[in-house]
């Protein structure tokens, strides 16, 4: 989980920093963090559509310049020809319904997440699937010690 938190530090999202790491047999296969597609302007430069339109978390996922951390990790694996079947994804936030559907179809076997996310359909679809989910809590102090980061972490 520490590596997922570390990946989240690369995010430039003005609302939430999320990181994801896909692991199989104790090997890191891919990482991702939330942000716009390669070459696109970042929300901290052009403003956040979701903030401008007052869209709550967990709703209207299509109205966002960025990809989610889980999406970017799955895409990174695909670009590099790495199979993620039967892997585990560690993510700092419970996946939204779009990411949950991608995880299910990618045949990732387990999601380990740190923080919840207000998306009931995501939780329902994961319950209907064979994907296991598990919450992993870590105190801020434990995380800082684990990552050896002595400054404030981005949230």
C-alpha atoms as a PDB file:
ATOM      1  CA  UNK A   1       0.000   0.000   0.000  1.00  0.00           C
ATOM      2  CA  UNK A   2       2.933   2.284   0.621  1.00  0.00           C
ATOM      3  CA  UNK A   3       3.808   2.224  -3.078  1.00  0.00           C
ATOM      4  CA  UNK A   4       0.246   3.204  -4.006  1.00  0.00           C
ATOM      5  CA  UNK A   5       0.485   6.183  -1.652  1.00  0.00           C
ATOM      6  CA  UNK A   6       3.837   7.063  -3.180  1.00  0.00           C
ATOM      7  CA  UNK A   7       2.335   6.906  -6.699  1.00  0.00           C
ATOM      8  CA  UNK A   8      -0.478   9.225  -5.544  1.00  0.00           C
ATOM      9  CA  UNK A   9       2.114  11.930  -4.899  1.00  0.00           C
ATOM     10  CA  UNK A  10       2.565  12.228  -8.692  1.00  0.00           C
ATOM     11  CA  UNK A  11      -1.076  13.269  -9.135  1.00  0.00           C
ATOM     12  CA  UNK A  12      -1.847  16.890  -9.918  1.00  0.00           C
ATOM     13  CA  UNK A  13      -5.596  16.563  -9.412  1.00  0.00           C
ATOM     14  CA  UNK A  14      -6.893  19.518  -7.419  1.00  0.00           C
ATOM     15  CA  UNK A  15      -9.610  17.440  -5.708  1.00  0.00           C
ATOM     16  CA  UNK A  16      -8.073  14.092  -4.779  1.00  0.00           C
ATOM     17  CA  UNK A  17      -4.704  12.390  -5.208  1.00  0.00           C
ATOM     18  CA  UNK A  18      -5.027   8.665  -5.888  1.00  0.00           C
ATOM     19  CA  UNK A  19      -2.376   6.046  -6.596  1.00  0.00           C
ATOM     20  CA  UNK A  20      -2.579   2.418  -7.691  1.00  0.00           C
ATOM     21  CA  UNK A  21      -0.115  -0.455  -7.954  1.00  0.00           C
ATOM     22  CA  UNK A  22      -0.794  -3.795  -9.635  1.00  0.00           C
ATOM     23  CA  UNK A  23       1.162  -6.689  -8.133  1.00  0.00           C
ATOM     24  CA  UNK A  24       1.461 -10.405  -8.878  1.00  0.00           C
ATOM     25  CA  UNK A  25       3.691 -12.916  -7.106  1.00  0.00           C
ATOM     26  CA  UNK A  26       5.346 -10.070  -5.161  1.00  0.00           C
ATOM     27  CA  UNK A  27       6.327  -8.318  -8.411  1.00  0.00           C
ATOM     28  CA  UNK A  28       5.121  -4.841  -9.347  1.00  0.00           C
ATOM     29  CA  UNK A  29       3.515  -5.057 -12.784  1.00  0.00           C
ATOM     30  CA  UNK A  30       2.235  -1.499 -13.230  1.00  0.00           C
ATOM     31  CA  UNK A  31       1.566   1.722 -11.373  1.00  0.00           C
ATOM     32  CA  UNK A  32      -0.813   4.597 -11.958  1.00  0.00           C
ATOM     33  CA  UNK A  33      -2.025   7.856 -10.530  1.00  0.00           C
ATOM     34  CA  UNK A  34      -4.955  10.069 -11.419  1.00  0.00           C
ATOM     35  CA  UNK A  35      -4.365  12.767 -13.990  1.00  0.00           C
ATOM     36  CA  UNK A  36      -5.040  13.818 -17.584  1.00  0.00           C
ATOM     37  CA  UNK A  37      -3.930  11.804 -20.616  1.00  0.00           C
ATOM     38  CA  UNK A  38      -0.342  12.215 -21.790  1.00  0.00           C
ATOM     39  CA  UNK A  39       0.155  15.597 -23.420  1.00  0.00           C
ATOM     40  CA  UNK A  40      -3.118  17.079 -22.144  1.00  0.00           C
ATOM     41  CA  UNK A  41      -3.137  20.138 -19.945  1.00  0.00           C
ATOM     42  CA  UNK A  42      -3.486  19.526 -16.237  1.00  0.00           C
ATOM     43  CA  UNK A  43      -6.519  20.645 -14.236  1.00  0.00           C
ATOM     44  CA  UNK A  44      -4.357  22.757 -11.959  1.00  0.00           C
ATOM     45  CA  UNK A  45      -3.531  24.793 -15.103  1.00  0.00           C
ATOM     46  CA  UNK A  46      -6.881  24.973 -16.958  1.00  0.00           C
ATOM     47  CA  UNK A  47      -9.217  24.531 -13.950  1.00  0.00           C
ATOM     48  CA  UNK A  48     -11.272  21.571 -12.814  1.00  0.00           C
ATOM     49  CA  UNK A  49     -14.541  21.016 -14.668  1.00  0.00           C
ATOM     50  CA  UNK A  50     -15.929  19.117 -11.674  1.00  0.00           C
ATOM     51  CA  UNK A  51     -15.262  22.002  -9.292  1.00  0.00           C
ATOM     52  CA  UNK A  52     -16.557  24.564 -11.801  1.00  0.00           C
ATOM     53  CA  UNK A  53     -19.809  22.575 -12.203  1.00  0.00           C
ATOM     54  CA  UNK A  54     -20.065  21.634  -8.499  1.00  0.00           C
ATOM     55  CA  UNK A  55     -20.196  17.886  -9.248  1.00  0.00           C
ATOM     56  CA  UNK A  56     -20.023  15.683  -6.122  1.00  0.00           C
ATOM     57  CA  UNK A  57     -17.567  12.799  -5.826  1.00  0.00           C
ATOM     58  CA  UNK A  58     -18.915   9.520  -7.141  1.00  0.00           C
ATOM     59  CA  UNK A  59     -21.098  11.130  -9.826  1.00  0.00           C
ATOM     60  CA  UNK A  60     -20.739  12.011 -13.525  1.00  0.00           C
ATOM     61  CA  UNK A  61     -17.317  10.380 -14.011  1.00  0.00           C
ATOM     62  CA  UNK A  62     -17.340  11.373 -17.686  1.00  0.00           C
ATOM     63  CA  UNK A  63     -17.034  15.042 -16.720  1.00  0.00           C
ATOM     64  CA  UNK A  64     -13.359  14.996 -15.847  1.00  0.00           C
ATOM     65  CA  UNK A  65     -10.166  15.669 -17.820  1.00  0.00           C
ATOM     66  CA  UNK A  66      -8.319  12.986 -15.890  1.00  0.00           C
ATOM     67  CA  UNK A  67      -8.086   9.239 -15.857  1.00  0.00           C
ATOM     68  CA  UNK A  68      -8.249   7.399 -12.571  1.00  0.00           C
ATOM     69  CA  UNK A  69      -5.187   5.757 -11.038  1.00  0.00           C
ATOM     70  CA  UNK A  70      -6.596   2.265 -11.611  1.00  0.00           C
ATOM     71  CA  UNK A  71      -7.294   3.070 -15.276  1.00  0.00           C
ATOM     72  CA  UNK A  72      -3.769   4.398 -15.776  1.00  0.00           C
ATOM     73  CA  UNK A  73      -2.230   1.304 -14.144  1.00  0.00           C
ATOM     74  CA  UNK A  74      -4.299  -1.052 -16.332  1.00  0.00           C
ATOM     75  CA  UNK A  75      -3.419   0.991 -19.439  1.00  0.00           C
ATOM     76  CA  UNK A  76       0.275   1.014 -18.513  1.00  0.00           C
ATOM     77  CA  UNK A  77       0.250  -2.786 -18.278  1.00  0.00           C
ATOM     78  CA  UNK A  78      -1.507  -3.057 -21.661  1.00  0.00           C
ATOM     79  CA  UNK A  79       0.906  -0.647 -23.374  1.00  0.00           C
ATOM     80  CA  UNK A  80       3.845  -2.707 -22.157  1.00  0.00           C
ATOM     81  CA  UNK A  81       2.225  -6.081 -22.913  1.00  0.00           C
ATOM     82  CA  UNK A  82       2.057  -7.183 -19.286  1.00  0.00           C
ATOM     83  CA  UNK A  83      -0.709  -9.599 -18.273  1.00  0.00           C
ATOM     84  CA  UNK A  84      -2.447  -8.542 -15.076  1.00  0.00           C
ATOM     85  CA  UNK A  85      -4.742 -11.576 -14.911  1.00  0.00           C
ATOM     86  CA  UNK A  86      -4.957 -12.958 -11.338  1.00  0.00           C
ATOM     87  CA  UNK A  87      -3.081  -9.979  -9.911  1.00  0.00           C
ATOM     88  CA  UNK A  88      -3.856  -7.748  -6.928  1.00  0.00           C
ATOM     89  CA  UNK A  89      -4.401  -3.998  -7.195  1.00  0.00           C
ATOM     90  CA  UNK A  90      -3.529  -1.750  -4.283  1.00  0.00           C
ATOM     91  CA  UNK A  91      -5.259   1.601  -4.499  1.00  0.00           C
ATOM     92  CA  UNK A  92      -5.462   4.532  -2.138  1.00  0.00           C
ATOM     93  CA  UNK A  93      -9.195   4.950  -2.809  1.00  0.00           C
ATOM     94  CA  UNK A  94     -11.932   2.352  -3.408  1.00  0.00           C
ATOM     95  CA  UNK A  95     -12.538   2.128  -7.173  1.00  0.00           C
ATOM     96  CA  UNK A  96     -15.439   3.936  -8.827  1.00  0.00           C
ATOM     97  CA  UNK A  97     -17.881   1.897 -10.930  1.00  0.00           C
ATOM     98  CA  UNK A  98     -15.938   2.545 -14.170  1.00  0.00           C
ATOM     99  CA  UNK A  99     -12.687   1.312 -12.607  1.00  0.00           C
ATOM    100  CA  UNK A 100     -14.482  -1.593 -10.925  1.00  0.00           C
ATOM    101  CA  UNK A 101     -15.794  -2.784 -14.303  1.00  0.00           C
ATOM    102  CA  UNK A 102     -12.306  -2.526 -15.806  1.00  0.00           C
ATOM    103  CA  UNK A 103     -10.822  -4.446 -12.863  1.00  0.00           C
ATOM    104  CA  UNK A 104     -13.458  -7.170 -13.187  1.00  0.00           C
ATOM    105  CA  UNK A 105     -12.851  -7.594 -16.926  1.00  0.00           C
ATOM    106  CA  UNK A 106      -9.055  -7.444 -16.510  1.00  0.00           C
ATOM    107  CA  UNK A 107      -9.480 -10.471 -14.219  1.00  0.00           C
ATOM    108  CA  UNK A 108      -7.693  -8.823 -11.321  1.00  0.00           C
ATOM    109  CA  UNK A 109      -8.484 -11.099  -8.369  1.00  0.00           C
ATOM    110  CA  UNK A 110      -8.342  -8.677  -5.434  1.00  0.00           C
ATOM    111  CA  UNK A 111      -8.614  -4.978  -4.624  1.00  0.00           C
ATOM    112  CA  UNK A 112      -6.900  -3.684  -1.499  1.00  0.00           C
ATOM    113  CA  UNK A 113      -7.876  -0.079  -0.819  1.00  0.00           C
ATOM    114  CA  UNK A 114      -7.115   2.505   1.854  1.00  0.00           C
ATOM    115  CA  UNK A 115     -10.042   4.950   1.711  1.00  0.00           C
ATOM    116  CA  UNK A 116     -13.690   4.575   0.788  1.00  0.00           C
ATOM    117  CA  UNK A 117     -15.457   6.231  -2.149  1.00  0.00           C
ATOM    118  CA  UNK A 118     -19.169   7.165  -2.421  1.00  0.00           C
ATOM    119  CA  UNK A 119     -20.184   4.867  -5.290  1.00  0.00           C
ATOM    120  CA  UNK A 120     -22.815   2.269  -4.363  1.00  0.00           C
ATOM    121  CA  UNK A 121     -22.983   0.780  -7.872  1.00  0.00           C
ATOM    122  CA  UNK A 122     -19.247   0.054  -7.728  1.00  0.00           C
ATOM    123  CA  UNK A 123     -19.688  -1.835  -4.475  1.00  0.00           C
ATOM    124  CA  UNK A 124     -22.688  -3.743  -5.862  1.00  0.00           C
ATOM    125  CA  UNK A 125     -20.906  -4.780  -9.058  1.00  0.00           C
ATOM    126  CA  UNK A 126     -17.863  -5.947  -7.120  1.00  0.00           C
ATOM    127  CA  UNK A 127     -20.127  -8.015  -4.818  1.00  0.00           C
ATOM    128  CA  UNK A 128     -21.607  -9.665  -7.921  1.00  0.00           C
ATOM    129  CA  UNK A 129     -18.138 -10.506  -9.246  1.00  0.00           C
ATOM    130  CA  UNK A 130     -15.405 -12.867  -8.084  1.00  0.00           C
ATOM    131  CA  UNK A 131     -13.102  -9.947  -7.215  1.00  0.00           C
ATOM    132  CA  UNK A 132     -12.272  -9.815  -3.501  1.00  0.00           C
ATOM    133  CA  UNK A 133     -12.114  -6.415  -1.815  1.00  0.00           C
ATOM    134  CA  UNK A 134     -10.360  -5.550   1.393  1.00  0.00           C
ATOM    135  CA  UNK A 135      -9.799  -2.299   3.239  1.00  0.00           C
ATOM    136  CA  UNK A 136      -6.273  -1.617   4.473  1.00  0.00           C
ATOM    137  CA  UNK A 137      -5.931   1.175   6.990  1.00  0.00           C
ATOM    138  CA  UNK A 138      -2.640   2.810   7.791  1.00  0.00           C
ATOM    139  CA  UNK A 139      -2.105   5.810  10.032  1.00  0.00           C
ATOM    140  CA  UNK A 140      -0.468   8.880   8.552  1.00  0.00           C
ATOM    141  CA  UNK A 141       2.486   8.359  10.892  1.00  0.00           C
ATOM    142  CA  UNK A 142       2.909   4.733   9.799  1.00  0.00           C
ATOM    143  CA  UNK A 143       2.743   5.782   6.165  1.00  0.00           C
ATOM    144  CA  UNK A 144       5.350   8.488   6.611  1.00  0.00           C
ATOM    145  CA  UNK A 145       7.633   6.043   8.384  1.00  0.00           C
ATOM    146  CA  UNK A 146       7.090   3.393   5.726  1.00  0.00           C
ATOM    147  CA  UNK A 147       7.888   5.756   2.866  1.00  0.00           C
ATOM    148  CA  UNK A 148      10.571   7.652   4.770  1.00  0.00           C
ATOM    149  CA  UNK A 149       8.905  10.893   3.833  1.00  0.00           C
ATOM    150  CA  UNK A 150       9.434  13.597   6.441  1.00  0.00           C
ATOM    151  CA  UNK A 151       7.327  16.327   4.866  1.00  0.00           C
ATOM    152  CA  UNK A 152       3.563  16.706   4.517  1.00  0.00           C
ATOM    153  CA  UNK A 153       1.959  14.226   2.154  1.00  0.00           C
ATOM    154  CA  UNK A 154      -0.399  15.543  -0.506  1.00  0.00           C
ATOM    155  CA  UNK A 155      -3.969  14.425   0.085  1.00  0.00           C
END
